[in-house]
Amino acid sequence: MKTTESKSHTEQEIRRAISEGKTLYLLDTDNSGNDDILIAEPGETEEDITANVEGWAQSCGYCEGSEIWEGQAAWSLRKLDPSELED
């Protein structure tokens, strides 16, 4: 995986987040083509990130809120270890 695979953040933003000790999450959107690397801001929890993703998916018309994690959509969110990113 490369840091340039993020749609929401530049490679520089991701590298800065890593150096600042921020938590990264990998959003796997199955076959919808919107996989992304997300950066949690200080104080944000995985639940906050999940809610943000659900709100975004709903606003884009993918599906209603939490439905993206089940059924045909089958999206997933997990903490990303910075060592998984290639230089």
C-alpha atoms as a PDB file:
ATOM      1  CA  MET A   1       0.000   0.000   0.000  1.00  0.00           C
ATOM      2  CA  LYS A   2       1.256   3.471  -0.756  1.00  0.00           C
ATOM      3  CA  THR A   3       0.461   6.773   0.902  1.00  0.00           C
ATOM      4  CA  THR A   4      -0.506   8.123  -2.513  1.00  0.00           C
ATOM      5  CA  GLU A   5      -3.540   5.803  -2.542  1.00  0.00           C
ATOM      6  CA  SER A   6      -5.477   8.193  -0.310  1.00  0.00           C
ATOM      7  CA  LYS A   7      -8.259  10.193  -1.908  1.00  0.00           C
ATOM      8  CA  SER A   8      -8.748  12.492   1.075  1.00  0.00           C
ATOM      9  CA  HIS A   9      -5.171  13.373   1.976  1.00  0.00           C
ATOM     10  CA  THR A  10      -1.942  14.078   0.168  1.00  0.00           C
ATOM     11  CA  GLU A  11       1.112  11.939   0.781  1.00  0.00           C
ATOM     12  CA  GLN A  12       2.661  14.856   2.682  1.00  0.00           C
ATOM     13  CA  GLU A  13      -0.393  15.136   4.968  1.00  0.00           C
ATOM     14  CA  ILE A  14      -0.265  11.422   5.733  1.00  0.00           C
ATOM     15  CA  ARG A  15       3.469  11.484   6.457  1.00  0.00           C
ATOM     16  CA  ARG A  16       2.977  14.499   8.746  1.00  0.00           C
ATOM     17  CA  ALA A  17       0.152  12.717  10.574  1.00  0.00           C
ATOM     18  CA  ILE A  18       2.411   9.714  11.132  1.00  0.00           C
ATOM     19  CA  SER A  19       5.205  11.919  12.465  1.00  0.00           C
ATOM     20  CA  GLU A  20       2.714  13.608  14.808  1.00  0.00           C
ATOM     21  CA  GLY A  21       1.562  10.227  16.132  1.00  0.00           C
ATOM     22  CA  LYS A  22      -1.975  10.486  14.757  1.00  0.00           C
ATOM     23  CA  THR A  23      -3.977   7.326  14.168  1.00  0.00           C
ATOM     24  CA  LEU A  24      -4.587   6.254  10.583  1.00  0.00           C
ATOM     25  CA  TYR A  25      -7.488   4.131   9.394  1.00  0.00           C
ATOM     26  CA  LEU A  26      -7.909   2.166   6.194  1.00  0.00           C
ATOM     27  CA  LEU A  27     -11.375   2.361   4.700  1.00  0.00           C
ATOM     28  CA  ASP A  28     -11.965  -0.624   2.408  1.00  0.00           C
ATOM     29  CA  THR A  29     -15.074   0.019   0.345  1.00  0.00           C
ATOM     30  CA  ASP A  30     -15.097  -3.386  -1.340  1.00  0.00           C
ATOM     31  CA  ASN A  31     -15.809  -2.859  -5.046  1.00  0.00           C
ATOM     32  CA  SER A  32     -17.068   0.735  -4.945  1.00  0.00           C
ATOM     33  CA  GLY A  33     -13.622   2.163  -5.734  1.00  0.00           C
ATOM     34  CA  ASN A  34     -13.504   4.638  -2.855  1.00  0.00           C
ATOM     35  CA  ASP A  35     -10.884   2.985  -0.610  1.00  0.00           C
ATOM     36  CA  ASP A  36      -9.083   5.589   1.421  1.00  0.00           C
ATOM     37  CA  ILE A  37      -6.637   6.338   4.203  1.00  0.00           C
ATOM     38  CA  LEU A  38      -8.259   8.419   6.932  1.00  0.00           C
ATOM     39  CA  ILE A  39      -6.524  10.448   9.633  1.00  0.00           C
ATOM     40  CA  ALA A  40      -8.039  10.676  13.097  1.00  0.00           C
ATOM     41  CA  GLU A  41      -7.606  14.048  14.737  1.00  0.00           C
ATOM     42  CA  PRO A  42      -6.608  14.194  18.415  1.00  0.00           C
ATOM     43  CA  GLY A  43      -9.503  13.025  20.550  1.00  0.00           C
ATOM     44  CA  GLU A  44     -11.339  11.296  17.684  1.00  0.00           C
ATOM     45  CA  THR A  45     -12.234   7.671  18.316  1.00  0.00           C
ATOM     46  CA  GLU A  46     -12.877   4.839  15.899  1.00  0.00           C
ATOM     47  CA  GLU A  47     -16.565   5.391  16.608  1.00  0.00           C
ATOM     48  CA  ASP A  48     -16.203   9.028  15.481  1.00  0.00           C
ATOM     49  CA  ILE A  49     -14.469   7.950  12.269  1.00  0.00           C
ATOM     50  CA  THR A  50     -17.153   5.319  11.658  1.00  0.00           C
ATOM     51  CA  ALA A  51     -19.918   7.907  12.123  1.00  0.00           C
ATOM     52  CA  ASN A  52     -18.133  10.318   9.756  1.00  0.00           C
ATOM     53  CA  VAL A  53     -17.861   7.602   7.090  1.00  0.00           C
ATOM     54  CA  GLU A  54     -21.526   6.692   7.513  1.00  0.00           C
ATOM     55  CA  GLY A  55     -22.563  10.331   7.154  1.00  0.00           C
ATOM     56  CA  TRP A  56     -20.407  10.745   4.059  1.00  0.00           C
ATOM     57  CA  ALA A  57     -21.781   7.552   2.468  1.00  0.00           C
ATOM     58  CA  GLN A  58     -25.340   8.638   3.142  1.00  0.00           C
ATOM     59  CA  SER A  59     -24.766  12.152   1.766  1.00  0.00           C
ATOM     60  CA  CYS A  60     -23.319  10.639  -1.435  1.00  0.00           C
ATOM     61  CA  GLY A  61     -26.289   8.314  -1.838  1.00  0.00           C
ATOM     62  CA  TYR A  62     -24.439   5.037  -1.332  1.00  0.00           C
ATOM     63  CA  CYS A  63     -26.835   3.804   1.328  1.00  0.00           C
ATOM     64  CA  GLU A  64     -28.349   4.673   4.643  1.00  0.00           C
ATOM     65  CA  GLY A  65     -25.787   5.091   7.413  1.00  0.00           C
ATOM     66  CA  SER A  66     -24.704   1.835   9.006  1.00  0.00           C
ATOM     67  CA  GLU A  67     -25.902  -0.276   6.049  1.00  0.00           C
ATOM     68  CA  ILE A  68     -22.492   0.172   4.420  1.00  0.00           C
ATOM     69  CA  TRP A  69     -20.921  -2.253   6.902  1.00  0.00           C
ATOM     70  CA  GLU A  70     -23.271  -5.113   6.064  1.00  0.00           C
ATOM     71  CA  GLY A  71     -24.849  -6.847   3.102  1.00  0.00           C
ATOM     72  CA  GLN A  72     -23.813  -6.056  -0.447  1.00  0.00           C
ATOM     73  CA  ALA A  73     -21.745  -3.005   0.443  1.00  0.00           C
ATOM     74  CA  ALA A  74     -19.571  -4.806   3.053  1.00  0.00           C
ATOM     75  CA  TRP A  75     -17.248  -1.885   3.739  1.00  0.00           C
ATOM     76  CA  SER A  76     -14.707  -2.211   6.539  1.00  0.00           C
ATOM     77  CA  LEU A  77     -12.644   0.145   8.645  1.00  0.00           C
ATOM     78  CA  ARG A  78      -9.488  -0.790  10.523  1.00  0.00           C
ATOM     79  CA  LYS A  79      -6.554   0.912  12.185  1.00  0.00           C
ATOM     80  CA  LEU A  80      -3.649   1.152   9.809  1.00  0.00           C
ATOM     81  CA  ASP A  81      -0.145   0.515  11.065  1.00  0.00           C
ATOM     82  CA  PRO A  82       2.181   3.103   9.468  1.00  0.00           C
ATOM     83  CA  SER A  83       4.609   0.265   8.662  1.00  0.00           C
ATOM     84  CA  GLU A  84       2.067  -0.960   6.091  1.00  0.00           C
ATOM     85  CA  LEU A  85       2.736   2.096   3.955  1.00  0.00           C
ATOM     86  CA  GLU A  86       5.529   1.775   1.437  1.00  0.00           C
ATOM     87  CA  ASP A  87       8.118   4.487   1.068  1.00  0.00           C
END
